[in-house]
Amino acid sequence: MPTRTTRRSDPDRRDRLIDTAIDLIAEVGVAGVSHRKIAARADVPLGSMTYHFSGLDELLREAFERFAETIIRRFEARLGAASTLEEARAALVDLIHVDLAESSREQVLTYELYTLAARKPEFRRITREWMRRSRVELERHFDAATARQVDALIEGIAIHRALETEPQSREVTATAITRITG
């Protein structure tokens, strides 16, 4: 009678694959990601990919949803702690110059998501939800039109920070926020 091999228990495998996908996207971009590379990096059999995900797009979607959620939570924590207009303005400066500038990895992931969303409508849902939740937090402190302007300012400054050799100072950011929210 043939012996059966016991299946190794790995309850965190799916999460590990998602986290590995995020890391790999940050390193090589969406175009450089494949099932094979993710499985090898996560040290799982290639067949695990099709067991856990219907395809690469599902894995990418879940990876970007997880990434967006971490940024949204940071945004919610920073703005949720503010109780006055001045505290909200200061929170925005910190959000831009501390939280969102912490990691070039996060900037790369953000722009990879934006590029994917521009090409594939199913990924726009992630970016729209991210923007919606950001504006909910902004609208705790500002009217809806101002919240949209501040949201656009944050995105614009983040892009400039990623590409400029001399990033904008906190003072310039604070002045821009005060002008928009004044």
Protein backbone atom coordinates (compact mmCIF):
# COMPACT_ATOMS: atom_id res chain seq x y z
CA MET A 1 0.00 0.00 0.00
CA PRO A 2 1.47 3.40 -0.98
CA THR A 3 2.19 5.85 1.79
CA ARG A 4 0.42 9.17 1.78
CA THR A 5 2.37 12.31 2.22
CA THR A 6 0.88 14.59 4.78
CA ARG A 7 0.06 18.06 3.67
CA ARG A 8 2.10 20.65 5.46
CA SER A 9 -0.05 23.05 7.44
CA ASP A 10 0.65 26.65 6.48
CA PRO A 11 -2.33 28.76 7.57
CA ASP A 12 -0.52 32.03 6.86
CA ARG A 13 0.47 31.12 3.31
CA ARG A 14 -2.14 33.29 1.58
CA ASP A 15 -1.16 36.35 3.62
CA ARG A 16 2.52 35.65 3.02
CA LEU A 17 1.89 35.51 -0.73
CA ILE A 18 0.11 38.89 -0.60
CA ASP A 19 2.90 40.45 1.47
CA THR A 20 5.51 38.97 -0.84
CA ALA A 21 3.68 40.38 -3.84
CA ILE A 22 3.73 43.86 -2.25
CA ASP A 23 7.48 43.59 -1.60
CA LEU A 24 8.15 42.36 -5.12
CA ILE A 25 6.04 45.11 -6.71
CA ALA A 26 8.04 47.67 -4.72
CA GLU A 27 11.28 46.19 -6.05
CA VAL A 28 10.52 45.37 -9.68
CA GLY A 29 7.16 46.97 -10.45
CA VAL A 30 3.95 45.31 -11.56
CA ALA A 31 5.49 44.47 -14.94
CA GLY A 32 8.23 42.45 -13.24
CA VAL A 33 5.91 40.38 -11.05
CA SER A 34 4.91 36.83 -11.91
CA HIS A 35 3.38 33.85 -10.13
CA ARG A 36 6.72 32.07 -10.33
CA LYS A 37 8.68 34.96 -8.75
CA ILE A 38 6.17 35.43 -5.95
CA ALA A 39 6.05 31.71 -5.14
CA ALA A 40 9.85 31.46 -5.13
CA ARG A 41 10.26 34.52 -2.91
CA ALA A 42 7.55 33.28 -0.51
CA ASP A 43 9.13 29.81 -0.50
CA VAL A 44 5.90 28.04 -1.48
CA PRO A 45 5.10 25.63 -4.30
CA LEU A 46 4.01 27.34 -7.51
CA GLY A 47 0.69 25.48 -7.32
CA SER A 48 -0.16 27.47 -4.19
CA MET A 49 -0.68 30.50 -6.36
CA THR A 50 -3.60 28.98 -8.25
CA TYR A 51 -4.96 27.41 -5.07
CA HIS A 52 -5.19 30.78 -3.31
CA PHE A 53 -5.81 33.15 -6.24
CA SER A 54 -7.76 32.83 -9.47
CA GLY A 55 -5.04 34.70 -11.30
CA LEU A 56 -2.36 37.35 -11.02
CA ASP A 57 -4.90 40.18 -11.18
CA GLU A 58 -6.68 38.86 -8.07
CA LEU A 59 -3.38 38.71 -6.20
CA LEU A 60 -2.40 42.21 -7.37
CA ARG A 61 -5.81 43.56 -6.36
CA GLU A 62 -5.53 42.09 -2.88
CA ALA A 63 -1.96 43.29 -2.51
CA PHE A 64 -2.90 46.84 -3.48
CA GLU A 65 -5.98 46.75 -1.25
CA ARG A 66 -3.76 45.77 1.69
CA PHE A 67 -1.24 48.47 0.85
CA ALA A 68 -3.93 51.15 0.45
CA GLU A 69 -5.49 50.14 3.76
CA THR A 70 -2.20 50.73 5.61
CA ILE A 71 -1.93 54.23 4.13
CA ILE A 72 -5.59 55.02 4.81
CA ARG A 73 -5.26 53.94 8.45
CA ARG A 74 -2.25 56.20 8.89
CA PHE A 75 -4.23 59.07 7.35
CA GLU A 76 -7.22 58.36 9.61
CA ALA A 77 -5.04 58.21 12.73
CA ARG A 78 -3.25 61.46 11.93
CA LEU A 79 -6.37 63.47 11.09
CA GLY A 80 -8.54 61.73 13.65
CA ALA A 81 -6.28 63.01 16.43
CA ALA A 82 -6.83 66.65 15.40
CA SER A 83 -9.64 68.53 17.14
CA THR A 84 -9.07 72.11 15.97
CA LEU A 85 -8.46 73.72 12.60
CA GLU A 86 -4.84 74.45 13.51
CA GLU A 87 -4.29 70.88 14.66
CA ALA A 88 -5.80 69.61 11.41
CA ARG A 89 -3.47 71.84 9.39
CA ALA A 90 -0.46 70.68 11.42
CA ALA A 91 -1.59 67.06 11.00
CA LEU A 92 -1.65 67.54 7.24
CA VAL A 93 1.89 68.94 7.23
CA ASP A 94 3.04 65.96 9.31
CA LEU A 95 1.13 63.57 7.06
CA ILE A 96 2.90 64.95 3.99
CA HIS A 97 6.38 65.42 5.45
CA VAL A 98 6.53 62.47 7.85
CA ASP A 99 3.97 59.76 7.10
CA LEU A 100 3.87 59.93 3.31
CA ALA A 101 7.54 60.78 2.90
CA GLU A 102 8.79 58.00 5.16
CA SER A 103 9.46 55.54 2.46
CA SER A 104 10.35 55.65 -1.20
CA ARG A 105 8.99 52.07 -1.21
CA GLU A 106 5.51 53.39 -0.44
CA GLN A 107 5.82 56.05 -3.11
CA VAL A 108 6.74 53.42 -5.68
CA LEU A 109 3.82 51.24 -4.61
CA THR A 110 1.45 54.20 -4.84
CA TYR A 111 2.54 55.07 -8.37
CA GLU A 112 2.43 51.43 -9.45
CA LEU A 113 -1.17 51.32 -8.23
CA TYR A 114 -2.02 54.56 -10.03
CA THR A 115 -0.52 53.25 -13.26
CA LEU A 116 -2.40 49.97 -12.98
CA ALA A 117 -5.64 51.82 -12.18
CA ALA A 118 -5.16 54.04 -15.22
CA ARG A 119 -4.88 50.96 -17.42
CA LYS A 120 -7.31 48.56 -15.76
CA PRO A 121 -10.65 49.91 -14.56
CA GLU A 122 -11.08 47.16 -11.94
CA PHE A 123 -8.14 48.67 -10.02
CA ARG A 124 -9.73 52.14 -10.00
CA ARG A 125 -12.09 50.90 -7.30
CA ILE A 126 -9.11 50.70 -4.94
CA THR A 127 -7.95 54.24 -5.71
CA ARG A 128 -11.51 55.64 -5.54
CA GLU A 129 -12.07 54.02 -2.14
CA TRP A 130 -8.72 55.37 -0.95
CA MET A 131 -9.69 58.90 -2.07
CA ARG A 132 -13.19 58.57 -0.61
CA ARG A 133 -11.90 57.56 2.80
CA SER A 134 -9.25 60.27 2.72
CA ARG A 135 -11.90 62.88 2.02
CA VAL A 136 -14.11 61.53 4.82
CA GLU A 137 -11.28 62.30 7.22
CA LEU A 138 -10.60 65.68 5.62
CA GLU A 139 -14.29 66.56 5.84
CA ARG A 140 -14.10 66.21 9.61
CA HIS A 141 -12.23 69.52 9.47
CA PHE A 142 -13.07 71.14 6.12
CA ASP A 143 -16.04 71.50 3.78
CA ALA A 144 -16.29 69.02 0.88
CA ALA A 145 -14.84 71.36 -1.79
CA THR A 146 -11.87 72.26 0.41
CA ALA A 147 -11.33 68.59 1.28
CA ARG A 148 -11.04 67.77 -2.45
CA GLN A 149 -8.53 70.57 -2.95
CA VAL A 150 -6.45 69.47 0.03
CA ASP A 151 -6.56 65.87 -1.19
CA ALA A 152 -5.24 67.01 -4.59
CA LEU A 153 -2.55 69.11 -2.90
CA ILE A 154 -1.37 66.10 -0.90
CA GLU A 155 -1.11 63.99 -4.05
CA GLY A 156 0.69 66.75 -5.94
CA ILE A 157 3.21 67.39 -3.21
CA ALA A 158 3.84 63.65 -2.87
CA ILE A 159 4.61 63.41 -6.60
CA HIS A 160 6.94 66.39 -6.42
CA ARG A 161 8.67 64.98 -3.34
CA ALA A 162 9.28 61.73 -5.20
CA LEU A 163 10.76 63.42 -8.26
CA GLU A 164 12.44 66.62 -7.07
CA THR A 165 16.02 66.74 -5.93
CA GLU A 166 15.13 69.42 -3.37
CA PRO A 167 11.83 68.57 -1.65
CA GLN A 168 9.43 71.32 -0.66
CA SER A 169 9.91 72.61 2.89
CA ARG A 170 7.41 72.13 5.68
CA GLU A 171 6.90 75.89 5.75
CA VAL A 172 5.88 76.04 2.08
CA THR A 173 3.52 73.12 2.62
CA ALA A 174 2.01 74.76 5.71
CA THR A 175 1.48 78.01 3.79
CA ALA A 176 -0.25 76.16 0.92
CA ILE A 177 -2.52 74.29 3.34
CA THR A 178 -3.42 77.51 5.15
CA ARG A 179 -4.24 79.24 1.87
CA ILE A 180 -6.48 76.41 0.70
CA THR A 181 -8.19 75.93 4.05
CA GLY A 182 -8.32 79.62 5.04
